[in-house]
């Protein structure tokens, strides 16, 4: 089985022959070099011919897709802490800010 999945930056793939999961991180157009980062953090590279002669296919993002990235902050993941709310001081509130001006 050869892959029909085109490489797309930011997409996750699985190499079914070698049971490896990876994300495409860059594509160099001149030499058709496809840079990938495996789920364990290792980096790799494929040329166009090797890519299309492989057993790669699209997969959903892994549950812990941030594992290969060193020192990532939760804010970088787009998460927000909905349990933490700050309350504005009542002195800072002005009712006219909430009324329609006519």
PDB file of N, CA and C in Angstrom:
ATOM      1  N   UNK A   1       0.844  -1.181   0.000  1.00  0.00           N
ATOM      2  CA  UNK A   1       0.000   0.000   0.000  1.00  0.00           C
ATOM      3  C   UNK A   1       0.886   1.240   0.000  1.00  0.00           C
ATOM      4  N   UNK A   2       0.672   2.135  -0.924  1.00  0.00           N
ATOM      5  CA  UNK A   2       1.393   3.404  -0.931  1.00  0.00           C
ATOM      6  C   UNK A   2       0.435   4.513  -0.531  1.00  0.00           C
ATOM      7  N   UNK A   3       1.014   5.581  -0.006  1.00  0.00           N
ATOM      8  CA  UNK A   3       0.181   6.662   0.495  1.00  0.00           C
ATOM      9  C   UNK A   3      -0.397   7.504  -0.633  1.00  0.00           C
ATOM     10  N   UNK A   4      -1.602   7.960  -0.412  1.00  0.00           N
ATOM     11  CA  UNK A   4      -2.206   8.943  -1.303  1.00  0.00           C
ATOM     12  C   UNK A   4      -2.433  10.245  -0.550  1.00  0.00           C
ATOM     13  N   UNK A   5      -2.022  10.264   0.732  1.00  0.00           N
ATOM     14  CA  UNK A   5      -2.187  11.443   1.579  1.00  0.00           C
ATOM     15  C   UNK A   5      -1.090  12.456   1.278  1.00  0.00           C
ATOM     16  N   UNK A   6      -1.486  13.612   0.791  1.00  0.00           N
ATOM     17  CA  UNK A   6      -0.506  14.668   0.536  1.00  0.00           C
ATOM     18  C   UNK A   6      -0.015  15.250   1.849  1.00  0.00           C
ATOM     19  N   UNK A   7       1.245  15.676   1.897  1.00  0.00           N
ATOM     20  CA  UNK A   7       1.753  16.302   3.116  1.00  0.00           C
ATOM     21  C   UNK A   7       1.162  17.701   3.284  1.00  0.00           C
ATOM     22  N   UNK A   8       0.662  17.984   4.471  1.00  0.00           N
ATOM     23  CA  UNK A   8       0.089  19.287   4.792  1.00  0.00           C
ATOM     24  C   UNK A   8       0.693  19.741   6.114  1.00  0.00           C
ATOM     25  N   UNK A   9       1.260  20.941   6.123  1.00  0.00           N
ATOM     26  CA  UNK A   9       1.872  21.460   7.350  1.00  0.00           C
ATOM     27  C   UNK A   9       0.813  21.545   8.444  1.00  0.00           C
ATOM     28  N   UNK A  10       1.149  20.998   9.608  1.00  0.00           N
ATOM     29  CA  UNK A  10       0.251  21.016  10.757  1.00  0.00           C
ATOM     30  C   UNK A  10      -0.625  19.788  10.902  1.00  0.00           C
ATOM     31  N   UNK A  11      -0.664  18.919   9.903  1.00  0.00           N
ATOM     32  CA  UNK A  11      -1.473  17.701   9.969  1.00  0.00           C
ATOM     33  C   UNK A  11      -0.686  16.558  10.580  1.00  0.00           C
ATOM     34  N   UNK A  12      -1.390  15.689  11.242  1.00  0.00           N
ATOM     35  CA  UNK A  12      -0.797  14.497  11.844  1.00  0.00           C
ATOM     36  C   UNK A  12      -1.011  13.303  10.913  1.00  0.00           C
ATOM     37  N   UNK A  13      -0.021  12.421  10.905  1.00  0.00           N
ATOM     38  CA  UNK A  13      -0.033  11.229  10.056  1.00  0.00           C
ATOM     39  C   UNK A  13       0.440  10.029  10.869  1.00  0.00           C
ATOM     40  N   UNK A  14       0.138   8.866  10.349  1.00  0.00           N
ATOM     41  CA  UNK A  14       0.665   7.639  10.940  1.00  0.00           C
ATOM     42  C   UNK A  14       1.339   6.842   9.840  1.00  0.00           C
ATOM     43  N   UNK A  15       2.539   6.365  10.157  1.00  0.00           N
ATOM     44  CA  UNK A  15       3.252   5.438   9.280  1.00  0.00           C
ATOM     45  C   UNK A  15       2.840   4.045   9.744  1.00  0.00           C
ATOM     46  N   UNK A  16       1.932   3.432   9.015  1.00  0.00           N
ATOM     47  CA  UNK A  16       1.364   2.153   9.441  1.00  0.00           C
ATOM     48  C   UNK A  16       2.362   1.007   9.360  1.00  0.00           C
ATOM     49  N   UNK A  17       3.326   1.105   8.485  1.00  0.00           N
ATOM     50  CA  UNK A  17       4.332   0.055   8.369  1.00  0.00           C
ATOM     51  C   UNK A  17       5.246   0.024   9.585  1.00  0.00           C
ATOM     52  N   UNK A  18       5.627   1.216  10.079  1.00  0.00           N
ATOM     53  CA  UNK A  18       6.556   1.303  11.209  1.00  0.00           C
ATOM     54  C   UNK A  18       5.890   1.716  12.509  1.00  0.00           C
ATOM     55  N   UNK A  19       4.563   1.894  12.496  1.00  0.00           N
ATOM     56  CA  UNK A  19       3.792   2.288  13.669  1.00  0.00           C
ATOM     57  C   UNK A  19       4.328   3.570  14.312  1.00  0.00           C
ATOM     58  N   UNK A  20       4.562   4.596  13.483  1.00  0.00           N
ATOM     59  CA  UNK A  20       5.056   5.891  13.957  1.00  0.00           C
ATOM     60  C   UNK A  20       4.004   6.961  13.707  1.00  0.00           C
ATOM     61  N   UNK A  21       3.870   7.865  14.653  1.00  0.00           N
ATOM     62  CA  UNK A  21       2.959   8.988  14.524  1.00  0.00           C
ATOM     63  C   UNK A  21       3.792  10.252  14.429  1.00  0.00           C
ATOM     64  N   UNK A  22       3.429  11.148  13.498  1.00  0.00           N
ATOM     65  CA  UNK A  22       4.211  12.363  13.325  1.00  0.00           C
ATOM     66  C   UNK A  22       3.360  13.486  12.751  1.00  0.00           C
ATOM     67  N   UNK A  23       3.900  14.688  12.864  1.00  0.00           N
ATOM     68  CA  UNK A  23       3.258  15.892  12.354  1.00  0.00           C
ATOM     69  C   UNK A  23       4.172  16.524  11.322  1.00  0.00           C
ATOM     70  N   UNK A  24       3.625  16.984  10.208  1.00  0.00           N
ATOM     71  CA  UNK A  24       4.418  17.697   9.206  1.00  0.00           C
ATOM     72  C   UNK A  24       4.647  19.113   9.731  1.00  0.00           C
ATOM     73  N   UNK A  25       5.908  19.518   9.815  1.00  0.00           N
ATOM     74  CA  UNK A  25       6.234  20.845  10.353  1.00  0.00           C
ATOM     75  C   UNK A  25       6.745  21.806   9.294  1.00  0.00           C
ATOM     76  N   UNK A  26       7.185  21.311   8.145  1.00  0.00           N
ATOM     77  CA  UNK A  26       7.660  22.196   7.080  1.00  0.00           C
ATOM     78  C   UNK A  26       7.731  21.428   5.767  1.00  0.00           C
ATOM     79  N   UNK A  27       7.560  22.179   4.680  1.00  0.00           N
ATOM     80  CA  UNK A  27       7.720  21.608   3.347  1.00  0.00           C
ATOM     81  C   UNK A  27       8.561  22.584   2.547  1.00  0.00           C
ATOM     82  N   UNK A  28       9.685  22.105   2.047  1.00  0.00           N
ATOM     83  CA  UNK A  28      10.555  22.918   1.209  1.00  0.00           C
ATOM     84  C   UNK A  28      10.211  22.638  -0.233  1.00  0.00           C
ATOM     85  N   UNK A  29       9.737  23.631  -0.953  1.00  0.00           N
ATOM     86  CA  UNK A  29       9.253  23.445  -2.308  1.00  0.00           C
ATOM     87  C   UNK A  29      10.313  23.098  -3.327  1.00  0.00           C
ATOM     88  N   UNK A  30      11.525  23.664  -3.194  1.00  0.00           N
ATOM     89  CA  UNK A  30      12.553  23.460  -4.212  1.00  0.00           C
ATOM     90  C   UNK A  30      12.984  22.005  -4.340  1.00  0.00           C
ATOM     91  N   UNK A  31      13.256  21.363  -3.223  1.00  0.00           N
ATOM     92  CA  UNK A  31      13.715  19.980  -3.293  1.00  0.00           C
ATOM     93  C   UNK A  31      12.663  19.000  -2.787  1.00  0.00           C
ATOM     94  N   UNK A  32      11.435  19.499  -2.598  1.00  0.00           N
ATOM     95  CA  UNK A  32      10.333  18.673  -2.121  1.00  0.00           C
ATOM     96  C   UNK A  32      10.685  17.922  -0.838  1.00  0.00           C
ATOM     97  N   UNK A  33      11.368  18.600   0.058  1.00  0.00           N
ATOM     98  CA  UNK A  33      11.738  18.026   1.344  1.00  0.00           C
ATOM     99  C   UNK A  33      10.607  18.267   2.342  1.00  0.00           C
ATOM    100  N   UNK A  34      10.198  17.208   3.037  1.00  0.00           N
ATOM    101  CA  UNK A  34       9.098  17.281   3.989  1.00  0.00           C
ATOM    102  C   UNK A  34       9.658  17.004   5.379  1.00  0.00           C
ATOM    103  N   UNK A  35       9.660  18.042   6.233  1.00  0.00           N
ATOM    104  CA  UNK A  35      10.176  17.906   7.601  1.00  0.00           C
ATOM    105  C   UNK A  35       9.039  17.492   8.524  1.00  0.00           C
ATOM    106  N   UNK A  36       9.315  16.523   9.391  1.00  0.00           N
ATOM    107  CA  UNK A  36       8.304  16.013  10.317  1.00  0.00           C
ATOM    108  C   UNK A  36       8.861  15.985  11.731  1.00  0.00           C
ATOM    109  N   UNK A  37       7.947  16.006  12.694  1.00  0.00           N
ATOM    110  CA  UNK A  37       8.325  15.796  14.085  1.00  0.00           C
ATOM    111  C   UNK A  37       7.483  14.651  14.609  1.00  0.00           C
ATOM    112  N   UNK A  38       8.174  13.616  15.088  1.00  0.00           N
ATOM    113  CA  UNK A  38       7.511  12.426  15.599  1.00  0.00           C
ATOM    114  C   UNK A  38       6.932  12.690  16.980  1.00  0.00           C
ATOM    115  N   UNK A  39       5.991  11.869  17.404  1.00  0.00           N
ATOM    116  CA  UNK A  39       5.328  12.038  18.689  1.00  0.00           C
ATOM    117  C   UNK A  39       6.298  11.972  19.867  1.00  0.00           C
ATOM    118  N   UNK A  40       7.457  11.345  19.680  1.00  0.00           N
ATOM    119  CA  UNK A  40       8.444  11.280  20.763  1.00  0.00           C
ATOM    120  C   UNK A  40       9.368  12.491  20.771  1.00  0.00           C
ATOM    121  N   UNK A  41       9.188  13.422  19.824  1.00  0.00           N
ATOM    122  CA  UNK A  41       9.988  14.633  19.776  1.00  0.00           C
ATOM    123  C   UNK A  41      11.091  14.629  18.738  1.00  0.00           C
ATOM    124  N   UNK A  42      11.450  13.454  18.217  1.00  0.00           N
ATOM    125  CA  UNK A  42      12.502  13.367  17.203  1.00  0.00           C
ATOM    126  C   UNK A  42      12.053  14.047  15.918  1.00  0.00           C
ATOM    127  N   UNK A  43      13.031  14.579  15.186  1.00  0.00           N
ATOM    128  CA  UNK A  43      12.765  15.208  13.902  1.00  0.00           C
ATOM    129  C   UNK A  43      13.161  14.260  12.782  1.00  0.00           C
ATOM    130  N   UNK A  44      12.489  14.367  11.666  1.00  0.00           N
ATOM    131  CA  UNK A  44      12.805  13.539  10.511  1.00  0.00           C
ATOM    132  C   UNK A  44      12.514  14.299   9.233  1.00  0.00           C
ATOM    133  N   UNK A  45      12.885  13.689   8.127  1.00  0.00           N
ATOM    134  CA  UNK A  45      12.687  14.345   6.846  1.00  0.00           C
ATOM    135  C   UNK A  45      12.484  13.289   5.767  1.00  0.00           C
ATOM    136  N   UNK A  46      11.605  13.592   4.828  1.00  0.00           N
ATOM    137  CA  UNK A  46      11.334  12.709   3.698  1.00  0.00           C
ATOM    138  C   UNK A  46      11.418  13.528   2.419  1.00  0.00           C
ATOM    139  N   UNK A  47      11.801  12.879   1.345  1.00  0.00           N
ATOM    140  CA  UNK A  47      11.681  13.548   0.050  1.00  0.00           C
ATOM    141  C   UNK A  47      10.341  13.111  -0.543  1.00  0.00           C
ATOM    142  N   UNK A  48       9.927  13.773  -1.614  1.00  0.00           N
ATOM    143  CA  UNK A  48       8.628  13.487  -2.207  1.00  0.00           C
ATOM    144  C   UNK A  48       8.450  12.040  -2.609  1.00  0.00           C
ATOM    145  N   UNK A  49       9.477  11.445  -3.191  1.00  0.00           N
ATOM    146  CA  UNK A  49       9.387  10.055  -3.633  1.00  0.00           C
ATOM    147  C   UNK A  49       9.197   9.108  -2.451  1.00  0.00           C
ATOM    148  N   UNK A  50       9.978   9.314  -1.388  1.00  0.00           N
ATOM    149  CA  UNK A  50       9.858   8.465  -0.201  1.00  0.00           C
ATOM    150  C   UNK A  50       8.477   8.635   0.443  1.00  0.00           C
ATOM    151  N   UNK A  51       7.967   9.874   0.453  1.00  0.00           N
ATOM    152  CA  UNK A  51       6.653  10.134   1.041  1.00  0.00           C
ATOM    153  C   UNK A  51       5.572   9.309   0.335  1.00  0.00           C
ATOM    154  N   UNK A  52       5.536   9.399  -0.986  1.00  0.00           N
ATOM    155  CA  UNK A  52       4.462   8.745  -1.728  1.00  0.00           C
ATOM    156  C   UNK A  52       4.657   7.238  -1.888  1.00  0.00           C
ATOM    157  N   UNK A  53       5.839   6.718  -1.542  1.00  0.00           N
ATOM    158  CA  UNK A  53       6.072   5.277  -1.542  1.00  0.00           C
ATOM    159  C   UNK A  53       5.947   4.689  -0.141  1.00  0.00           C
ATOM    160  N   UNK A  54       5.411   5.457   0.783  1.00  0.00           N
ATOM    161  CA  UNK A  54       5.293   5.026   2.177  1.00  0.00           C
ATOM    162  C   UNK A  54       3.885   4.530   2.485  1.00  0.00           C
ATOM    163  N   UNK A  55       3.650   4.225   3.748  1.00  0.00           N
ATOM    164  CA  UNK A  55       2.333   3.782   4.215  1.00  0.00           C
ATOM    165  C   UNK A  55       1.715   4.837   5.130  1.00  0.00           C
ATOM    166  N   UNK A  56       1.880   6.118   4.806  1.00  0.00           N
ATOM    167  CA  UNK A  56       1.370   7.214   5.624  1.00  0.00           C
ATOM    168  C   UNK A  56      -0.106   7.463   5.319  1.00  0.00           C
ATOM    169  N   UNK A  57      -0.840   7.849   6.369  1.00  0.00           N
ATOM    170  CA  UNK A  57      -2.212   8.278   6.174  1.00  0.00           C
ATOM    171  C   UNK A  57      -2.555   9.298   7.250  1.00  0.00           C
ATOM    172  N   UNK A  58      -3.539  10.144   6.943  1.00  0.00           N
ATOM    173  CA  UNK A  58      -4.004  11.144   7.907  1.00  0.00           C
ATOM    174  C   UNK A  58      -4.553  10.459   9.149  1.00  0.00           C
ATOM    175  N   UNK A  59      -4.353  11.114  10.308  1.00  0.00           N
ATOM    176  CA  UNK A  59      -4.985  10.675  11.551  1.00  0.00           C
ATOM    177  C   UNK A  59      -5.476  11.918  12.284  1.00  0.00           C
ATOM    178  N   UNK A  60      -6.337  11.711  13.257  1.00  0.00           N
ATOM    179  CA  UNK A  60      -6.763  12.798  14.132  1.00  0.00           C
ATOM    180  C   UNK A  60      -5.585  13.203  15.006  1.00  0.00           C
ATOM    181  N   UNK A  61      -5.592  14.450  15.480  1.00  0.00           N
ATOM    182  CA  UNK A  61      -4.541  14.884  16.392  1.00  0.00           C
ATOM    183  C   UNK A  61      -4.515  13.968  17.607  1.00  0.00           C
ATOM    184  N   UNK A  62      -3.325  13.527  18.021  1.00  0.00           N
ATOM    185  CA  UNK A  62      -3.253  12.679  19.214  1.00  0.00           C
ATOM    186  C   UNK A  62      -3.798  13.415  20.434  1.00  0.00           C
ATOM    187  N   UNK A  63      -4.226  12.652  21.427  1.00  0.00           N
ATOM    188  CA  UNK A  63      -4.794  13.256  22.634  1.00  0.00           C
ATOM    189  C   UNK A  63      -3.817  14.232  23.276  1.00  0.00           C
ATOM    190  N   UNK A  64      -2.558  13.855  23.392  1.00  0.00           N
ATOM    191  CA  UNK A  64      -1.542  14.740  23.954  1.00  0.00           C
ATOM    192  C   UNK A  64      -0.586  15.146  22.842  1.00  0.00           C
ATOM    193  N   UNK A  65      -1.071  15.930  21.896  1.00  0.00           N
ATOM    194  CA  UNK A  65      -0.271  16.305  20.735  1.00  0.00           C
ATOM    195  C   UNK A  65       0.883  17.224  21.081  1.00  0.00           C
ATOM    196  N   UNK A  66       0.869  17.816  22.273  1.00  0.00           N
ATOM    197  CA  UNK A  66       1.939  18.746  22.646  1.00  0.00           C
ATOM    198  C   UNK A  66       3.169  18.031  23.195  1.00  0.00           C
ATOM    199  N   UNK A  67       3.113  16.728  23.374  1.00  0.00           N
ATOM    200  CA  UNK A  67       4.225  15.982  23.972  1.00  0.00           C
ATOM    201  C   UNK A  67       5.570  16.220  23.299  1.00  0.00           C
ATOM    202  N   UNK A  68       5.669  16.295  21.964  1.00  0.00           N
ATOM    203  CA  UNK A  68       6.981  16.462  21.360  1.00  0.00           C
ATOM    204  C   UNK A  68       7.571  17.862  21.480  1.00  0.00           C
ATOM    205  N   UNK A  69       6.781  18.816  21.924  1.00  0.00           N
ATOM    206  CA  UNK A  69       7.259  20.184  21.953  1.00  0.00           C
ATOM    207  C   UNK A  69       7.768  20.534  23.341  1.00  0.00           C
ATOM    208  N   UNK A  70       9.035  20.958  23.410  1.00  0.00           N
ATOM    209  CA  UNK A  70       9.657  21.294  24.687  1.00  0.00           C
ATOM    210  C   UNK A  70       9.100  22.594  25.242  1.00  0.00           C
ATOM    211  N   UNK A  71       8.934  22.628  26.551  1.00  0.00           N
ATOM    212  CA  UNK A  71       8.606  23.828  27.304  1.00  0.00           C
ATOM    213  C   UNK A  71       7.486  24.652  26.686  1.00  0.00           C
ATOM    214  N   UNK A  72       6.387  24.004  26.364  1.00  0.00           N
ATOM    215  CA  UNK A  72       5.237  24.715  25.817  1.00  0.00           C
ATOM    216  C   UNK A  72       4.366  25.186  26.978  1.00  0.00           C
ATOM    217  N   UNK A  73       3.885  26.400  26.874  1.00  0.00           N
ATOM    218  CA  UNK A  73       3.025  26.969  27.904  1.00  0.00           C
ATOM    219  C   UNK A  73       1.567  26.627  27.586  1.00  0.00           C
ATOM    220  N   UNK A  74       0.741  26.463  28.627  1.00  0.00           N
ATOM    221  CA  UNK A  74      -0.660  26.154  28.403  1.00  0.00           C
ATOM    222  C   UNK A  74      -1.346  27.240  27.582  1.00  0.00           C
ATOM    223  N   UNK A  75      -0.942  28.493  27.760  1.00  0.00           N
ATOM    224  CA  UNK A  75      -1.528  29.572  26.966  1.00  0.00           C
ATOM    225  C   UNK A  75      -1.264  29.371  25.475  1.00  0.00           C
ATOM    226  N   UNK A  76      -0.128  28.765  25.133  1.00  0.00           N
ATOM    227  CA  UNK A  76       0.202  28.518  23.734  1.00  0.00           C
ATOM    228  C   UNK A  76      -0.721  27.474  23.107  1.00  0.00           C
ATOM    229  N   UNK A  77      -1.347  26.666  23.931  1.00  0.00           N
ATOM    230  CA  UNK A  77      -2.229  25.616  23.441  1.00  0.00           C
ATOM    231  C   UNK A  77      -3.641  26.119  23.178  1.00  0.00           C
ATOM    232  N   UNK A  78      -3.928  27.344  23.605  1.00  0.00           N
ATOM    233  CA  UNK A  78      -5.256  27.898  23.401  1.00  0.00           C
ATOM    234  C   UNK A  78      -6.233  27.546  24.510  1.00  0.00           C
ATOM    235  N   UNK A  79      -5.726  26.971  25.605  1.00  0.00           N
ATOM    236  CA  UNK A  79      -6.593  26.655  26.723  1.00  0.00           C
ATOM    237  C   UNK A  79      -6.766  27.906  27.575  1.00  0.00           C
ATOM    238  N   UNK A  80      -7.882  27.982  28.258  1.00  0.00           N
ATOM    239  CA  UNK A  80      -8.067  29.064  29.209  1.00  0.00           C
ATOM    240  C   UNK A  80      -8.668  28.477  30.468  1.00  0.00           C
ATOM    241  N   UNK A  81      -8.348  29.082  31.561  1.00  0.00           N
ATOM    242  CA  UNK A  81      -8.843  28.617  32.846  1.00  0.00           C
ATOM    243  C   UNK A  81     -10.168  29.315  33.107  1.00  0.00           C
ATOM    244  N   UNK A  82     -11.262  28.625  32.880  1.00  0.00           N
ATOM    245  CA  UNK A  82     -12.579  29.232  33.044  1.00  0.00           C
ATOM    246  C   UNK A  82     -13.002  29.309  34.501  1.00  0.00           C
ATOM    247  N   UNK A  83     -12.277  28.675  35.403  1.00  0.00           N
ATOM    248  CA  UNK A  83     -12.624  28.717  36.816  1.00  0.00           C
ATOM    249  C   UNK A  83     -12.092  29.970  37.500  1.00  0.00           C
ATOM    250  N   UNK A  84     -11.213  30.687  36.866  1.00  0.00           N
ATOM    251  CA  UNK A  84     -10.625  31.879  37.469  1.00  0.00           C
ATOM    252  C   UNK A  84     -11.258  33.110  36.839  1.00  0.00           C
ATOM    253  N   UNK A  85     -11.939  33.858  37.645  1.00  0.00           N
ATOM    254  CA  UNK A  85     -12.554  35.094  37.181  1.00  0.00           C
ATOM    255  C   UNK A  85     -12.135  36.212  38.118  1.00  0.00           C
ATOM    256  N   UNK A  86     -11.880  37.351  37.558  1.00  0.00           N
ATOM    257  CA  UNK A  86     -11.573  38.510  38.395  1.00  0.00           C
ATOM    258  C   UNK A  86     -12.770  39.432  38.365  1.00  0.00           C
ATOM    259  N   UNK A  87     -13.014  40.064  39.460  1.00  0.00           N
ATOM    260  CA  UNK A  87     -14.151  40.972  39.575  1.00  0.00           C
ATOM    261  C   UNK A  87     -13.630  42.396  39.578  1.00  0.00           C
ATOM    262  N   UNK A  88     -14.220  43.191  38.738  1.00  0.00           N
ATOM    263  CA  UNK A  88     -13.802  44.592  38.679  1.00  0.00           C
ATOM    264  C   UNK A  88     -14.211  45.295  39.965  1.00  0.00           C
ATOM    265  N   UNK A  89     -13.385  46.224  40.395  1.00  0.00           N
ATOM    266  CA  UNK A  89     -13.729  47.023  41.565  1.00  0.00           C
ATOM    267  C   UNK A  89     -14.950  47.866  41.235  1.00  0.00           C
ATOM    268  N   UNK A  90     -15.865  47.977  42.184  1.00  0.00           N
ATOM    269  CA  UNK A  90     -17.079  48.740  41.928  1.00  0.00           C
ATOM    270  C   UNK A  90     -16.768  50.209  41.660  1.00  0.00           C
ATOM    271  N   UNK A  91     -15.651  50.695  42.157  1.00  0.00           N
ATOM    272  CA  UNK A  91     -15.264  52.091  41.913  1.00  0.00           C
ATOM    273  C   UNK A  91     -14.917  52.308  40.442  1.00  0.00           C
ATOM    274  N   UNK A  92     -14.487  51.260  39.744  1.00  0.00           N
ATOM    275  CA  UNK A  92     -14.103  51.377  38.340  1.00  0.00           C
ATOM    276  C   UNK A  92     -15.298  51.316  37.394  1.00  0.00           C
ATOM    277  N   UNK A  93     -16.467  50.920  37.916  1.00  0.00           N
ATOM    278  CA  UNK A  93     -17.651  50.786  37.073  1.00  0.00           C
ATOM    279  C   UNK A  93     -18.425  52.088  37.024  1.00  0.00           C
ATOM    280  N   UNK A  94     -18.930  52.409  35.846  1.00  0.00           N
ATOM    281  CA  UNK A  94     -19.760  53.591  35.660  1.00  0.00           C
ATOM    282  C   UNK A  94     -20.973  53.155  34.854  1.00  0.00           C
ATOM    283  N   UNK A  95     -22.160  53.375  35.388  1.00  0.00           N
ATOM    284  CA  UNK A  95     -23.379  52.912  34.734  1.00  0.00           C
ATOM    285  C   UNK A  95     -23.541  53.506  33.340  1.00  0.00           C
ATOM    286  N   UNK A  96     -22.986  54.688  33.105  1.00  0.00           N
ATOM    287  CA  UNK A  96     -23.133  55.315  31.793  1.00  0.00           C
ATOM    288  C   UNK A  96     -22.399  54.521  30.703  1.00  0.00           C
ATOM    289  N   UNK A  97     -21.430  53.708  31.092  1.00  0.00           N
ATOM    290  CA  UNK A  97     -20.736  52.873  30.123  1.00  0.00           C
ATOM    291  C   UNK A  97     -21.656  51.785  29.551  1.00  0.00           C
ATOM    292  N   UNK A  98     -22.723  51.479  30.266  1.00  0.00           N
ATOM    293  CA  UNK A  98     -23.613  50.403  29.859  1.00  0.00           C
ATOM    294  C   UNK A  98     -24.923  50.901  29.231  1.00  0.00           C
ATOM    295  N   UNK A  99     -25.143  52.216  29.228  1.00  0.00           N
ATOM    296  CA  UNK A  99     -26.370  52.792  28.686  1.00  0.00           C
ATOM    297  C   UNK A  99     -26.135  53.281  27.261  1.00  0.00           C
ATOM    298  N   UNK A 100     -27.166  53.169  26.432  1.00  0.00           N
ATOM    299  CA  UNK A 100     -27.100  53.712  25.087  1.00  0.00           C
ATOM    300  C   UNK A 100     -27.195  55.215  25.136  1.00  0.00           C
ATOM    301  N   UNK A 101     -26.324  55.880  24.434  1.00  0.00           N
ATOM    302  CA  UNK A 101     -26.373  57.341  24.343  1.00  0.00           C
ATOM    303  C   UNK A 101     -27.347  57.733  23.245  1.00  0.00           C
ATOM    304  N   UNK A 102     -28.240  58.618  23.546  1.00  0.00           N
ATOM    305  CA  UNK A 102     -29.194  59.048  22.520  1.00  0.00           C
ATOM    306  C   UNK A 102     -28.988  60.483  22.199  1.00  0.00           C
TER     307      UNK A 102
END
